[in-house]
Protein backbone atom coordinates (compact mmCIF):
# COMPACT_ATOMS: atom_id res chain seq x y z
CA MET A 1 0.00 0.00 0.00
CA ARG A 2 2.88 2.36 0.78
CA TRP A 3 4.21 2.05 -2.79
CA LEU A 4 0.84 2.94 -4.29
CA GLY A 5 1.29 6.53 -3.11
CA LEU A 6 4.71 7.02 -4.75
CA PRO A 7 3.42 8.12 -8.19
CA VAL A 8 1.15 10.65 -6.47
CA ALA A 9 4.06 12.06 -4.46
CA ILE A 10 6.23 12.30 -7.56
CA ALA A 11 3.44 14.07 -9.41
CA MET A 12 3.07 16.54 -6.55
CA LEU A 13 6.82 17.28 -6.54
CA LEU A 14 6.81 17.77 -10.29
CA ALA A 15 3.85 20.14 -9.99
CA LEU A 16 5.63 22.15 -7.29
CA SER A 17 8.76 22.30 -9.42
CA VAL A 18 6.80 23.51 -12.45
CA GLY A 19 5.04 26.08 -10.25
CA CYS A 20 8.38 27.40 -9.01
CA GLU A 21 9.72 27.67 -12.54
CA GLU A 22 6.60 29.54 -13.64
CA ARG A 23 6.94 32.00 -10.73
CA ARG A 24 10.64 32.55 -11.53
CA ALA A 25 9.79 33.12 -15.19
CA ALA A 26 7.09 35.62 -14.22
CA ARG A 27 9.58 37.41 -11.97
CA CYS A 28 12.05 37.56 -14.86
CA GLN A 29 9.41 39.24 -17.02
CA LEU A 30 9.23 42.04 -14.47
CA GLU A 31 13.02 42.19 -14.08
CA CYS A 32 13.34 42.25 -17.87
CA ALA A 33 11.12 45.31 -18.30
CA LYS A 34 12.70 47.15 -15.39
CA ALA A 35 16.38 46.19 -15.47
CA GLY A 36 17.02 44.17 -18.67
CA ARG A 37 17.46 40.94 -16.71
CA CYS A 38 15.39 38.74 -19.00
CA THR A 39 17.10 35.35 -18.86
CA LEU A 40 16.45 32.75 -16.17
CA LYS A 41 19.62 30.89 -15.18
CA LYS A 42 20.10 28.84 -12.03
CA ALA A 43 17.00 30.34 -10.45
CA GLU A 44 18.27 33.90 -11.06
CA CYS A 45 17.23 36.53 -13.58
CA ILE A 46 20.26 37.85 -15.46
CA ALA A 47 21.01 40.15 -18.38
CA THR A 48 22.48 38.41 -21.43
CA GLN A 49 21.72 40.71 -24.38
CA GLN A 50 22.60 44.33 -25.11
CA SER A 51 19.15 44.89 -26.64
CA ASP A 52 17.48 43.87 -23.36
CA CYS A 53 19.48 46.50 -21.48
CA GLU A 54 18.66 49.21 -24.01
CA ALA A 55 14.93 48.44 -23.82
CA SER A 56 14.79 48.56 -20.01
CA GLU A 57 13.32 51.20 -17.73
CA LEU A 58 16.67 51.64 -15.97
CA CYS A 59 18.24 52.56 -19.29
CA ARG A 60 15.66 55.25 -20.02
CA LYS A 61 15.63 56.72 -16.52
CA LEU A 62 19.06 56.00 -15.02
CA GLY A 63 21.32 55.42 -18.02
CA GLN A 64 22.04 51.76 -17.23
CA CYS A 65 22.10 50.70 -20.89
CA GLN A 66 25.36 48.78 -21.32
CA LEU A 67 25.59 45.01 -20.87
CA VAL A 68 28.44 44.31 -18.45
CA GLY A 69 28.73 40.69 -17.38
CA THR A 70 25.20 39.70 -16.40
CA THR A 71 23.89 43.16 -15.51
CA CYS A 72 23.05 46.41 -17.26
CA ALA A 73 25.37 49.25 -16.25
CA ALA A 74 25.73 52.96 -16.90
CA THR A 75 28.42 54.48 -19.12
CA GLN A 76 29.85 57.97 -19.38
CA GLU A 77 27.85 58.59 -22.54
CA THR A 78 24.52 57.43 -21.16
CA CYS A 79 24.99 59.29 -17.86
CA ARG A 80 25.79 62.55 -19.65
CA SER A 81 22.61 62.25 -21.74
CA LEU A 82 20.30 62.06 -18.71
CA GLU A 83 18.11 64.85 -17.39
CA ALA A 84 19.40 63.83 -13.94
CA CYS A 85 22.89 64.85 -15.08
CA ARG A 86 21.75 68.37 -15.95
CA THR A 87 19.57 68.82 -12.89
CA LEU A 88 21.19 66.72 -10.14
CA GLY A 89 24.77 66.27 -11.35
CA LEU A 90 24.47 62.48 -11.76
CA CYS A 91 26.84 62.46 -14.71
CA SER A 92 29.57 59.86 -14.02
CA PRO A 93 29.32 56.05 -14.01
CA GLN A 94 30.28 54.49 -10.69
CA ALA A 95 29.49 50.95 -9.54
CA GLY A 96 27.22 50.54 -12.57
CA ALA A 97 25.04 53.58 -11.83
CA CYS A 98 25.13 57.30 -12.67
CA ARG A 99 26.43 59.34 -9.73
CA ALA A 100 27.89 62.73 -8.89
CA VAL A 101 31.62 61.99 -8.72
CA THR A 102 33.57 65.02 -9.93
CA GLU A 103 33.46 68.76 -9.20
CA ARG A 104 32.38 69.28 -12.80
CA ASP A 105 29.39 66.97 -12.34
CA CYS A 106 27.98 69.17 -9.61
CA LYS A 107 29.11 72.64 -10.68
CA GLU A 108 27.35 72.36 -14.05
CA SER A 109 24.08 71.16 -12.49
CA THR A 110 20.89 73.02 -11.61
CA VAL A 111 21.19 72.08 -7.92
CA CYS A 112 24.53 73.88 -7.75
CA GLN A 113 23.36 77.01 -9.52
CA LYS A 114 20.06 77.20 -7.66
CA ASP A 115 20.63 75.51 -4.29
CA GLY A 116 24.39 75.78 -3.82
CA ARG A 117 24.86 72.00 -3.81
CA CYS A 118 28.16 72.08 -5.70
CA THR A 119 30.35 69.47 -3.97
CA PRO A 120 30.19 65.72 -4.75
CA LYS A 121 29.59 63.61 -1.65
CA ASP A 122 28.57 59.94 -1.50
CA GLY A 123 27.40 59.97 -5.11
CA THR A 124 25.23 63.09 -4.90
CA CYS A 125 25.78 66.85 -4.93
CA ALA A 126 25.84 68.43 -1.48
CA THR A 127 26.77 71.78 0.01
CA GLY A 128 30.32 72.31 1.15
CA GLY A 129 32.30 75.30 2.36
CA SER A 130 31.11 78.47 0.64
CA ASP A 131 28.91 76.70 -1.95
CA CYS A 132 25.68 78.18 -0.58
CA LYS A 133 26.85 81.75 -1.05
CA THR A 134 27.11 81.22 -4.82
CA GLY A 135 23.55 79.88 -5.33
CA THR A 136 20.58 81.88 -6.57
CA ASP A 137 18.61 80.89 -3.45
CA CYS A 138 21.19 82.83 -1.42
CA THR A 139 20.81 85.91 -3.61
CA ARG A 140 17.04 85.73 -3.72
CA TYR A 141 15.94 84.27 -0.40
CA GLY A 142 18.94 84.45 1.96
CA LYS A 143 19.65 80.70 1.94
CA CYS A 144 23.39 81.28 2.28
CA THR A 145 24.40 79.00 5.19
CA ALA A 146 25.39 75.35 4.72
CA ARG A 147 23.78 73.02 7.25
CA GLU A 148 23.46 69.22 7.06
CA GLY A 149 24.04 69.19 3.31
CA LEU A 150 21.47 71.90 2.55
CA CYS A 151 21.50 75.67 2.11
CA VAL A 152 19.38 77.43 4.73
CA VAL A 153 18.79 80.90 6.12
CA GLY A 154 21.23 80.98 9.03
CA SER A 155 21.45 84.59 10.21
CA ALA A 156 20.18 88.15 9.86
CA GLU A 157 23.22 88.79 7.67
CA ASP A 158 21.94 86.18 5.21
CA CYS A 159 18.61 88.01 5.03
CA GLU A 160 20.08 91.49 4.71
CA ARG A 161 22.04 90.53 1.59
CA SER A 162 18.99 88.97 -0.14
CA GLU A 163 16.69 90.35 -2.82
CA LEU A 164 13.82 89.56 -0.46
CA CYS A 165 15.18 92.25 1.87
CA LYS A 166 16.05 94.75 -0.86
CA ARG A 167 12.76 94.44 -2.71
CA GLN A 168 10.18 93.67 -0.01
CA GLY A 169 11.78 94.47 3.35
CA TYR A 170 12.18 90.91 4.65
CA CYS A 171 15.46 91.76 6.37
CA GLY A 172 15.00 90.26 9.87
CA PHE A 173 15.78 86.67 10.86
CA ALA A 174 13.52 84.39 12.94
CA ASN A 175 12.90 80.64 13.09
CA GLY A 176 15.13 79.85 10.13
CA LYS A 177 13.66 82.31 7.66
CA CYS A 178 13.76 85.96 6.62
CA VAL A 179 10.93 87.98 8.14
CA LEU A 180 9.42 91.45 7.96
CA GLU A 181 9.24 92.96 11.45
CA SER A 182 8.98 96.75 11.46
CA ASN A 183 8.59 100.06 9.64
CA ALA A 184 12.38 100.21 9.47
CA ASP A 185 12.40 97.00 7.42
CA CYS A 186 9.81 98.40 5.01
CA GLN A 187 11.71 101.65 4.65
CA LYS A 188 14.79 99.75 3.41
CA SER A 189 12.82 98.20 0.55
CA ASP A 190 12.37 99.11 -3.08
CA ILE A 191 8.58 99.03 -2.73
CA CYS A 192 8.88 101.86 -0.19
CA LYS A 193 11.29 103.92 -2.30
CA VAL A 194 9.34 103.45 -5.51
CA SER A 195 5.69 103.00 -4.51
CA GLY A 196 5.47 104.52 -1.02
CA ARG A 197 4.79 101.21 0.73
CA CYS A 198 6.77 102.20 3.80
CA THR A 199 4.46 101.25 6.72
CA TYR A 200 4.62 97.84 8.39
CA GLU A 201 1.34 95.95 8.74
CA PHE A 202 0.72 92.62 10.45
CA LYS A 203 -2.40 90.63 9.53
CA PRO A 204 -2.44 87.11 10.98
CA ASP A 205 -4.63 84.97 8.75
CA ARG A 206 -3.94 81.25 8.91
CA SER A 207 -6.49 80.54 6.18
CA SER A 208 -4.48 82.54 3.64
CA SER A 209 -1.38 81.47 1.75
CA LEU A 210 -0.21 85.10 1.66
CA PRO A 211 2.47 86.36 4.09
CA GLU A 212 1.13 87.53 7.45
CA ALA A 213 3.14 90.77 7.30
CA GLY A 214 3.54 93.29 4.53
CA CYS A 215 4.49 96.84 3.65
CA ILE A 216 1.59 99.17 2.84
CA VAL A 217 1.02 102.82 2.04
CA GLY A 218 0.19 104.22 5.47
CA SER A 219 0.09 107.98 4.94
CA ASN A 220 0.59 110.86 2.55
CA ALA A 221 4.12 111.11 3.92
CA ASP A 222 4.84 107.63 2.59
CA CYS A 223 3.71 108.71 -0.86
CA ARG A 224 5.64 112.01 -0.84
CA GLN A 225 8.99 110.25 -0.31
CA SER A 226 8.48 107.84 -3.22
CA THR A 227 9.96 108.15 -6.70
CA ASN A 228 6.44 107.72 -8.11
CA CYS A 229 5.59 111.03 -6.43
CA LYS A 230 8.62 112.79 -7.93
CA ASP A 231 8.24 111.25 -11.38
CA PHE A 232 4.48 110.89 -11.82
CA GLY A 233 2.89 113.11 -9.17
CA SER A 234 1.48 110.16 -7.19
CA CYS A 235 1.85 111.97 -3.87
CA THR A 236 -1.52 111.43 -2.15
CA MET A 237 -2.75 108.30 -0.37
CA ARG A 238 -6.15 107.08 -1.46
CA LYS A 239 -7.55 103.61 -0.67
CA GLY A 240 -4.13 102.24 0.22
CA GLU A 241 -2.40 103.51 -2.92
CA CYS A 242 -0.39 106.57 -3.87
CA VAL A 243 -2.29 108.52 -6.55
CA SER A 244 -2.03 111.85 -8.30
CA GLN A 245 -4.56 114.50 -7.30
């Protein structure tokens, strides 16, 4: 009686084996589309053809288009062609992937020019030394201090050198950002000198996306000191604006 069950057991083992092979093949279909690993060998999905690498998602997105051994890897040419090279500095092949490796990789990237992340570190572009002071976010928003790999507003000095201070009076520093705090801040700004918006106003409104503080026209005196008064006769305050009589 014991031997009668042997064919059944063998059939079950064969079925399990076939099921495993089918699952591995299905997994290879996914690996093929994503990473060019289309061939099943010794229970592993591997890359064996250049065309499989070139057709993969990793080629299109990460530049891993070259068959190297049994994987698809990045090359200098494919890395340089990526959008991630121009924006993030991921321009050099390293360990099969596109990474930020050289000073050139980072310094030519958008994250260097905008965010001051101009130094390669651990395969990405990070801030280092005086990098932040060269970025547009320093010039515009006062993000001139390097901290934990990012450019942040670190002091009142950062704010005072920014366009945000010069144009709108956001010259003070509080809680990691440039803030508008007083009439004196407004009076430093271009909107005071040009349009007479020289009076500080605070309007807390959590339901609004607009800043809580702003510079407004507060009096005829604000208007009379503006260039719009001298040039266009807009010397009288009316409904919050400087107008000509």
